[in-house]
Amino acid sequence: MTAETATQAGTDAEATAGTQTEDQAEDAVQNAADSDAVVTSEATVAETDAADTGDEASDETDDVVDSDDSDDADSDDDEDDEDRLVEEGEIAGDYLEQLLDVLDFDGDIDLDVDGDRAVVSIDGGDDLTKLVGRKGEVLDALQELTRLAVQQATGERSRLMLDIARWRSDRRDRLARLGREVAERVLSSGEREALDPMTPFERKIVHDAVAVVDGVVSESEGAEPKRRVVVLPS
């Protein structure tokens, strides 16, 4: 799906929705994403594996470079990567601005770079929770549509993250707190504890939270969509 067809899907959703309820608004956006499920499934599986490991292997295999020329080259590469991520954010911002207009939603779009991915946030508008869904399912669909719009423009797969009405940010805070609480319980009881199934994004947050507590470790077990984090004594 191109950015134009995705936007047209949003137009059709608005025309048929009228004074739609929250469920209907969620369905309109979800239906626009359904046709992209096959295109994105393989990339999502690859991203699942990367999210669980935290890309720690890449940190362990970095070579130590002493020459000034190599340092300058690394600096140039970092600048190129940041420029690419900024470009992704700008493309995504333009696409989402058009989509919000078509769907008749108001919101302020903020662009940022967090590590190795662009981050686009939409906040400040009324009824933005309709673009999130009960468990973030509509937000996930919109994120995939936005990634496809960026890929169509740049020719490269995007790992851009989209947040609406601070749903992911608030979810991150809750999961980090949960990870610390479970780690403390396991440290005190000496018994392993399994959490509810989570997405790769959510599991990564819990793993990071558990990692700062000495005496416990965490791992993922099970298959999607029931893959979960298990915390146990080290």
C-alpha atoms as a PDB file:
ATOM      1  CA  MET A   1       0.000   0.000   0.000  1.00  0.00           C
ATOM      2  CA  THR A   2       1.357   3.448  -0.911  1.00  0.00           C
ATOM      3  CA  ALA A   3       0.894   6.635   1.097  1.00  0.00           C
ATOM      4  CA  GLU A   4      -1.758   7.720  -1.440  1.00  0.00           C
ATOM      5  CA  THR A   5      -3.810   4.513  -1.159  1.00  0.00           C
ATOM      6  CA  ALA A   6      -3.516   4.549   2.616  1.00  0.00           C
ATOM      7  CA  THR A   7      -4.838   8.108   2.651  1.00  0.00           C
ATOM      8  CA  GLN A   8      -7.658   7.114   0.278  1.00  0.00           C
ATOM      9  CA  ALA A   9      -8.540   4.312   2.705  1.00  0.00           C
ATOM     10  CA  GLY A  10      -8.834   6.924   5.418  1.00  0.00           C
ATOM     11  CA  THR A  11     -11.123   8.970   3.127  1.00  0.00           C
ATOM     12  CA  ASP A  12     -13.427   6.009   2.596  1.00  0.00           C
ATOM     13  CA  ALA A  13     -13.477   5.381   6.328  1.00  0.00           C
ATOM     14  CA  GLU A  14     -14.568   8.954   7.020  1.00  0.00           C
ATOM     15  CA  ALA A  15     -17.246   8.942   4.318  1.00  0.00           C
ATOM     16  CA  THR A  16     -18.938   5.831   5.663  1.00  0.00           C
ATOM     17  CA  ALA A  17     -18.464   6.588   9.327  1.00  0.00           C
ATOM     18  CA  GLY A  18     -20.403   9.870   9.666  1.00  0.00           C
ATOM     19  CA  THR A  19     -21.117  10.215  13.352  1.00  0.00           C
ATOM     20  CA  GLN A  20     -19.353   6.930  14.102  1.00  0.00           C
ATOM     21  CA  THR A  21     -18.941   5.524  17.563  1.00  0.00           C
ATOM     22  CA  GLU A  22     -15.498   4.820  18.999  1.00  0.00           C
ATOM     23  CA  ASP A  23     -15.730   1.184  17.862  1.00  0.00           C
ATOM     24  CA  GLN A  24     -16.505   2.289  14.294  1.00  0.00           C
ATOM     25  CA  ALA A  25     -13.605   4.742  14.240  1.00  0.00           C
ATOM     26  CA  GLU A  26     -11.262   1.973  15.355  1.00  0.00           C
ATOM     27  CA  ASP A  27     -12.635  -0.417  12.709  1.00  0.00           C
ATOM     28  CA  ALA A  28     -12.152   2.179   9.949  1.00  0.00           C
ATOM     29  CA  VAL A  29      -8.465   2.553  10.640  1.00  0.00           C
ATOM     30  CA  GLN A  30      -7.973  -1.178  11.299  1.00  0.00           C
ATOM     31  CA  ASN A  31      -9.541  -2.088   7.964  1.00  0.00           C
ATOM     32  CA  ALA A  32      -7.119   0.260   6.206  1.00  0.00           C
ATOM     33  CA  ALA A  33      -4.223  -1.710   7.684  1.00  0.00           C
ATOM     34  CA  ASP A  34      -5.546  -5.225   7.064  1.00  0.00           C
ATOM     35  CA  SER A  35      -4.377  -5.328   3.452  1.00  0.00           C
ATOM     36  CA  ASP A  36      -0.782  -4.719   4.593  1.00  0.00           C
ATOM     37  CA  ALA A  37      -0.629  -7.677   6.995  1.00  0.00           C
ATOM     38  CA  VAL A  38       1.119  -9.999   4.526  1.00  0.00           C
ATOM     39  CA  VAL A  39       3.652  -7.338   3.529  1.00  0.00           C
ATOM     40  CA  THR A  40       4.659  -6.571   7.098  1.00  0.00           C
ATOM     41  CA  SER A  41       4.468  -9.992   8.791  1.00  0.00           C
ATOM     42  CA  GLU A  42       8.006 -11.150   7.932  1.00  0.00           C
ATOM     43  CA  ALA A  43       9.527  -7.820   8.962  1.00  0.00           C
ATOM     44  CA  THR A  44       7.567  -7.958  12.220  1.00  0.00           C
ATOM     45  CA  VAL A  45       8.970 -11.409  13.052  1.00  0.00           C
ATOM     46  CA  ALA A  46      12.508 -10.148  12.438  1.00  0.00           C
ATOM     47  CA  GLU A  47      11.841  -7.148  14.648  1.00  0.00           C
ATOM     48  CA  THR A  48      10.485  -9.455  17.387  1.00  0.00           C
ATOM     49  CA  ASP A  49      13.806 -11.260  17.647  1.00  0.00           C
ATOM     50  CA  ALA A  50      15.773  -8.005  17.687  1.00  0.00           C
ATOM     51  CA  ALA A  51      13.529  -6.513  20.376  1.00  0.00           C
ATOM     52  CA  ASP A  52      13.926  -9.482  22.763  1.00  0.00           C
ATOM     53  CA  THR A  53      17.712  -9.456  22.555  1.00  0.00           C
ATOM     54  CA  GLY A  54      17.982  -5.694  22.853  1.00  0.00           C
ATOM     55  CA  ASP A  55      20.610  -5.737  20.096  1.00  0.00           C
ATOM     56  CA  GLU A  56      23.200  -6.368  22.831  1.00  0.00           C
ATOM     57  CA  ALA A  57      25.336  -8.493  20.526  1.00  0.00           C
ATOM     58  CA  SER A  58      26.216  -5.505  18.370  1.00  0.00           C
ATOM     59  CA  ASP A  59      27.627  -3.671  21.387  1.00  0.00           C
ATOM     60  CA  GLU A  60      29.838  -6.621  22.340  1.00  0.00           C
ATOM     61  CA  THR A  61      31.403  -6.951  18.882  1.00  0.00           C
ATOM     62  CA  ASP A  62      32.373  -3.325  18.256  1.00  0.00           C
ATOM     63  CA  ASP A  63      36.053  -3.006  17.389  1.00  0.00           C
ATOM     64  CA  VAL A  64      38.231  -0.500  19.203  1.00  0.00           C
ATOM     65  CA  VAL A  65      39.601   1.961  16.633  1.00  0.00           C
ATOM     66  CA  ASP A  66      42.611   4.127  17.473  1.00  0.00           C
ATOM     67  CA  SER A  67      43.190   6.172  14.333  1.00  0.00           C
ATOM     68  CA  ASP A  68      41.809   9.692  14.005  1.00  0.00           C
ATOM     69  CA  ASP A  69      40.664   8.967  10.448  1.00  0.00           C
ATOM     70  CA  SER A  70      38.525   6.035  11.622  1.00  0.00           C
ATOM     71  CA  ASP A  71      37.036   8.157  14.404  1.00  0.00           C
ATOM     72  CA  ASP A  72      36.118  10.823  11.871  1.00  0.00           C
ATOM     73  CA  ALA A  73      34.521   8.168   9.656  1.00  0.00           C
ATOM     74  CA  ASP A  74      32.465   6.860  12.572  1.00  0.00           C
ATOM     75  CA  SER A  75      31.335  10.400  13.353  1.00  0.00           C
ATOM     76  CA  ASP A  76      30.259  10.900   9.745  1.00  0.00           C
ATOM     77  CA  ASP A  77      28.324   7.611   9.820  1.00  0.00           C
ATOM     78  CA  ASP A  78      26.515   8.689  12.994  1.00  0.00           C
ATOM     79  CA  GLU A  79      25.558  11.985  11.385  1.00  0.00           C
ATOM     80  CA  ASP A  80      24.315  10.173   8.277  1.00  0.00           C
ATOM     81  CA  ASP A  81      22.203   7.824  10.413  1.00  0.00           C
ATOM     82  CA  GLU A  82      20.683  10.724  12.325  1.00  0.00           C
ATOM     83  CA  ASP A  83      19.950  12.600   9.104  1.00  0.00           C
ATOM     84  CA  ARG A  84      18.215   9.498   7.743  1.00  0.00           C
ATOM     85  CA  LEU A  85      16.079   9.173  10.872  1.00  0.00           C
ATOM     86  CA  VAL A  86      15.186  12.857  10.773  1.00  0.00           C
ATOM     87  CA  GLU A  87      14.116  12.400   7.148  1.00  0.00           C
ATOM     88  CA  GLU A  88      11.964   9.412   8.141  1.00  0.00           C
ATOM     89  CA  GLY A  89      10.275  11.511  10.820  1.00  0.00           C
ATOM     90  CA  GLU A  90       9.540  14.334   8.409  1.00  0.00           C
ATOM     91  CA  ILE A  91       8.044  11.964   5.818  1.00  0.00           C
ATOM     92  CA  ALA A  92       5.938  10.312   8.515  1.00  0.00           C
ATOM     93  CA  GLY A  93       4.824  13.682   9.891  1.00  0.00           C
ATOM     94  CA  ASP A  94       3.608  14.825   6.460  1.00  0.00           C
ATOM     95  CA  TYR A  95       1.766  11.552   5.886  1.00  0.00           C
ATOM     96  CA  LEU A  96       0.077  11.623   9.300  1.00  0.00           C
ATOM     97  CA  GLU A  97      -0.909  15.263   8.923  1.00  0.00           C
ATOM     98  CA  GLN A  98      -2.763  14.401   5.716  1.00  0.00           C
ATOM     99  CA  LEU A  99      -4.357  11.355   7.330  1.00  0.00           C
ATOM    100  CA  LEU A 100      -5.563  13.367  10.329  1.00  0.00           C
ATOM    101  CA  ASP A 101      -7.140  15.908   7.963  1.00  0.00           C
ATOM    102  CA  VAL A 102      -8.928  13.160   6.039  1.00  0.00           C
ATOM    103  CA  LEU A 103     -10.209  11.520   9.233  1.00  0.00           C
ATOM    104  CA  ASP A 104     -11.117  14.928  10.712  1.00  0.00           C
ATOM    105  CA  PHE A 105      -8.964  14.588  13.835  1.00  0.00           C
ATOM    106  CA  ASP A 106      -6.970  17.414  15.395  1.00  0.00           C
ATOM    107  CA  GLY A 107      -3.557  16.920  16.986  1.00  0.00           C
ATOM    108  CA  ASP A 108      -0.054  18.326  17.300  1.00  0.00           C
ATOM    109  CA  ILE A 109       2.660  16.250  15.629  1.00  0.00           C
ATOM    110  CA  ASP A 110       6.078  16.117  17.303  1.00  0.00           C
ATOM    111  CA  LEU A 111       9.173  14.589  15.679  1.00  0.00           C
ATOM    112  CA  ASP A 112      12.159  13.140  17.547  1.00  0.00           C
ATOM    113  CA  VAL A 113      14.983  10.590  17.292  1.00  0.00           C
ATOM    114  CA  ASP A 114      15.414   7.973  20.017  1.00  0.00           C
ATOM    115  CA  GLY A 115      18.494   5.813  19.573  1.00  0.00           C
ATOM    116  CA  ASP A 116      18.249   4.027  16.234  1.00  0.00           C
ATOM    117  CA  ARG A 117      14.678   4.934  15.335  1.00  0.00           C
ATOM    118  CA  ALA A 118      12.579   7.962  14.506  1.00  0.00           C
ATOM    119  CA  VAL A 119       9.750   8.754  16.912  1.00  0.00           C
ATOM    120  CA  VAL A 120       6.564  10.570  15.907  1.00  0.00           C
ATOM    121  CA  SER A 121       4.066  11.631  18.569  1.00  0.00           C
ATOM    122  CA  ILE A 122       0.538  12.992  18.139  1.00  0.00           C
ATOM    123  CA  ASP A 123      -1.017  14.752  21.102  1.00  0.00           C
ATOM    124  CA  GLY A 124      -3.269  17.617  22.124  1.00  0.00           C
ATOM    125  CA  GLY A 125      -6.381  16.751  20.139  1.00  0.00           C
ATOM    126  CA  ASP A 126      -9.849  15.665  21.199  1.00  0.00           C
ATOM    127  CA  ASP A 127     -10.850  12.009  20.843  1.00  0.00           C
ATOM    128  CA  LEU A 128      -7.341  10.882  19.913  1.00  0.00           C
ATOM    129  CA  THR A 129      -7.897   7.748  21.986  1.00  0.00           C
ATOM    130  CA  LYS A 130     -10.090   6.510  19.125  1.00  0.00           C
ATOM    131  CA  LEU A 131      -6.861   6.264  17.109  1.00  0.00           C
ATOM    132  CA  VAL A 132      -5.279   4.136  19.849  1.00  0.00           C
ATOM    133  CA  GLY A 133      -7.877   1.447  20.489  1.00  0.00           C
ATOM    134  CA  ARG A 134      -8.607  -0.439  23.678  1.00  0.00           C
ATOM    135  CA  LYS A 135      -5.245  -2.217  23.779  1.00  0.00           C
ATOM    136  CA  GLY A 136      -3.308  -0.161  21.244  1.00  0.00           C
ATOM    137  CA  GLU A 137      -4.384  -2.270  18.267  1.00  0.00           C
ATOM    138  CA  VAL A 138      -5.470   0.725  16.171  1.00  0.00           C
ATOM    139  CA  LEU A 139      -2.255   2.551  17.043  1.00  0.00           C
ATOM    140  CA  ASP A 140      -0.230  -0.481  15.911  1.00  0.00           C
ATOM    141  CA  ALA A 141      -2.107  -0.537  12.603  1.00  0.00           C
ATOM    142  CA  LEU A 142      -1.480   3.185  12.052  1.00  0.00           C
ATOM    143  CA  GLN A 143       2.185   2.691  12.888  1.00  0.00           C
ATOM    144  CA  GLU A 144       2.487   0.009  10.208  1.00  0.00           C
ATOM    145  CA  LEU A 145       0.732   2.230   7.657  1.00  0.00           C
ATOM    146  CA  THR A 146       3.118   5.063   8.496  1.00  0.00           C
ATOM    147  CA  ARG A 147       6.154   2.794   8.205  1.00  0.00           C
ATOM    148  CA  LEU A 148       4.947   1.672   4.787  1.00  0.00           C
ATOM    149  CA  ALA A 149       4.523   5.304   3.706  1.00  0.00           C
ATOM    150  CA  VAL A 150       8.122   5.983   4.755  1.00  0.00           C
ATOM    151  CA  GLN A 151       9.346   2.833   3.008  1.00  0.00           C
ATOM    152  CA  GLN A 152       7.531   3.854  -0.168  1.00  0.00           C
ATOM    153  CA  ALA A 153       9.307   7.210  -0.106  1.00  0.00           C
ATOM    154  CA  THR A 154      12.816   6.049   0.884  1.00  0.00           C
ATOM    155  CA  GLY A 155      12.957   2.501  -0.445  1.00  0.00           C
ATOM    156  CA  GLU A 156      14.100   1.203   2.953  1.00  0.00           C
ATOM    157  CA  ARG A 157      12.260  -0.599   5.744  1.00  0.00           C
ATOM    158  CA  SER A 158      11.532   1.767   8.642  1.00  0.00           C
ATOM    159  CA  ARG A 159      11.537   1.003  12.388  1.00  0.00           C
ATOM    160  CA  LEU A 160       9.772   4.263  13.173  1.00  0.00           C
ATOM    161  CA  MET A 161       7.704   4.384  16.347  1.00  0.00           C
ATOM    162  CA  LEU A 162       4.356   6.165  16.489  1.00  0.00           C
ATOM    163  CA  ASP A 163       2.768   7.293  19.748  1.00  0.00           C
ATOM    164  CA  ILE A 164      -0.685   8.858  20.079  1.00  0.00           C
ATOM    165  CA  ALA A 165      -2.082  10.567  23.190  1.00  0.00           C
ATOM    166  CA  ARG A 166       1.026   9.385  25.097  1.00  0.00           C
ATOM    167  CA  TRP A 167      -0.308   5.807  25.099  1.00  0.00           C
ATOM    168  CA  ARG A 168       3.065   4.165  24.464  1.00  0.00           C
ATOM    169  CA  SER A 169       4.863   6.552  26.818  1.00  0.00           C
ATOM    170  CA  ASP A 170       2.444   5.843  29.655  1.00  0.00           C
ATOM    171  CA  ARG A 171       2.519   2.137  28.865  1.00  0.00           C
ATOM    172  CA  ARG A 172       6.323   2.194  29.000  1.00  0.00           C
ATOM    173  CA  ASP A 173       6.252   3.759  32.483  1.00  0.00           C
ATOM    174  CA  ARG A 174       3.738   1.194  33.781  1.00  0.00           C
ATOM    175  CA  LEU A 175       5.686  -1.751  32.379  1.00  0.00           C
ATOM    176  CA  ALA A 176       8.995  -0.493  33.743  1.00  0.00           C
ATOM    177  CA  ARG A 177       7.410  -0.175  37.171  1.00  0.00           C
ATOM    178  CA  LEU A 178       5.920  -3.666  36.840  1.00  0.00           C
ATOM    179  CA  GLY A 179       9.298  -5.125  35.876  1.00  0.00           C
ATOM    180  CA  ARG A 180      10.974  -3.631  38.927  1.00  0.00           C
ATOM    181  CA  GLU A 181       8.199  -4.815  41.254  1.00  0.00           C
ATOM    182  CA  VAL A 182       8.295  -8.378  39.922  1.00  0.00           C
ATOM    183  CA  ALA A 183      12.087  -8.431  40.132  1.00  0.00           C
ATOM    184  CA  GLU A 184      11.944  -7.399  43.799  1.00  0.00           C
ATOM    185  CA  ARG A 185       9.351 -10.086  44.554  1.00  0.00           C
ATOM    186  CA  VAL A 186      11.432 -12.793  42.899  1.00  0.00           C
ATOM    187  CA  LEU A 187      14.543 -11.600  44.719  1.00  0.00           C
ATOM    188  CA  SER A 188      12.675 -11.830  48.022  1.00  0.00           C
ATOM    189  CA  SER A 189      10.879 -15.147  47.434  1.00  0.00           C
ATOM    190  CA  GLY A 190      13.517 -16.953  45.391  1.00  0.00           C
ATOM    191  CA  GLU A 191      10.790 -18.275  43.072  1.00  0.00           C
ATOM    192  CA  ARG A 192      10.341 -17.552  39.374  1.00  0.00           C
ATOM    193  CA  GLU A 193       7.389 -15.496  38.206  1.00  0.00           C
ATOM    194  CA  ALA A 194       5.812 -15.393  34.742  1.00  0.00           C
ATOM    195  CA  LEU A 195       4.075 -12.307  33.407  1.00  0.00           C
ATOM    196  CA  ASP A 196       1.142 -12.055  31.029  1.00  0.00           C
ATOM    197  CA  PRO A 197       1.835 -12.343  27.269  1.00  0.00           C
ATOM    198  CA  MET A 198       3.242  -9.131  25.786  1.00  0.00           C
ATOM    199  CA  THR A 199       4.331  -7.642  22.486  1.00  0.00           C
ATOM    200  CA  PRO A 200       8.057  -7.425  21.643  1.00  0.00           C
ATOM    201  CA  PHE A 201       7.988  -3.706  22.495  1.00  0.00           C
ATOM    202  CA  GLU A 202       6.506  -4.437  25.918  1.00  0.00           C
ATOM    203  CA  ARG A 203       8.833  -7.358  26.678  1.00  0.00           C
ATOM    204  CA  LYS A 204      11.892  -5.256  25.900  1.00  0.00           C
ATOM    205  CA  ILE A 205      10.786  -2.651  28.455  1.00  0.00           C
ATOM    206  CA  VAL A 206      10.344  -5.311  31.149  1.00  0.00           C
ATOM    207  CA  HIS A 207      13.704  -6.930  30.351  1.00  0.00           C
ATOM    208  CA  ASP A 208      15.443  -3.557  30.715  1.00  0.00           C
ATOM    209  CA  ALA A 209      13.707  -2.890  34.041  1.00  0.00           C
ATOM    210  CA  VAL A 210      14.628  -6.289  35.465  1.00  0.00           C
ATOM    211  CA  ALA A 211      18.249  -5.944  34.318  1.00  0.00           C
ATOM    212  CA  VAL A 212      18.955  -3.143  36.799  1.00  0.00           C
ATOM    213  CA  VAL A 213      18.023  -5.356  39.797  1.00  0.00           C
ATOM    214  CA  ASP A 214      20.944  -7.486  41.012  1.00  0.00           C
ATOM    215  CA  GLY A 215      20.218 -11.119  41.816  1.00  0.00           C
ATOM    216  CA  VAL A 216      17.531 -11.757  39.193  1.00  0.00           C
ATOM    217  CA  VAL A 217      17.398 -12.323  35.449  1.00  0.00           C
ATOM    218  CA  SER A 218      14.627 -12.338  32.855  1.00  0.00           C
ATOM    219  CA  GLU A 219      13.984 -14.317  29.702  1.00  0.00           C
ATOM    220  CA  SER A 220      11.224 -14.724  27.152  1.00  0.00           C
ATOM    221  CA  GLU A 221       9.463 -18.012  26.581  1.00  0.00           C
ATOM    222  CA  GLY A 222       6.585 -19.265  24.457  1.00  0.00           C
ATOM    223  CA  ALA A 223       5.499 -18.479  20.920  1.00  0.00           C
ATOM    224  CA  GLU A 224       3.725 -15.420  19.577  1.00  0.00           C
ATOM    225  CA  PRO A 225       1.174 -14.145  20.351  1.00  0.00           C
ATOM    226  CA  LYS A 226       1.484 -15.743  23.811  1.00  0.00           C
ATOM    227  CA  ARG A 227       5.197 -15.092  24.291  1.00  0.00           C
ATOM    228  CA  ARG A 228       5.858 -13.772  27.798  1.00  0.00           C
ATOM    229  CA  VAL A 229       8.601 -12.606  30.157  1.00  0.00           C
ATOM    230  CA  VAL A 230       9.714 -14.884  32.983  1.00  0.00           C
ATOM    231  CA  VAL A 231      11.727 -13.477  35.896  1.00  0.00           C
ATOM    232  CA  LEU A 232      13.816 -15.871  37.977  1.00  0.00           C
ATOM    233  CA  PRO A 233      16.677 -15.805  40.506  1.00  0.00           C
ATOM    234  CA  SER A 234      20.129 -15.596  38.970  1.00  0.00           C
END
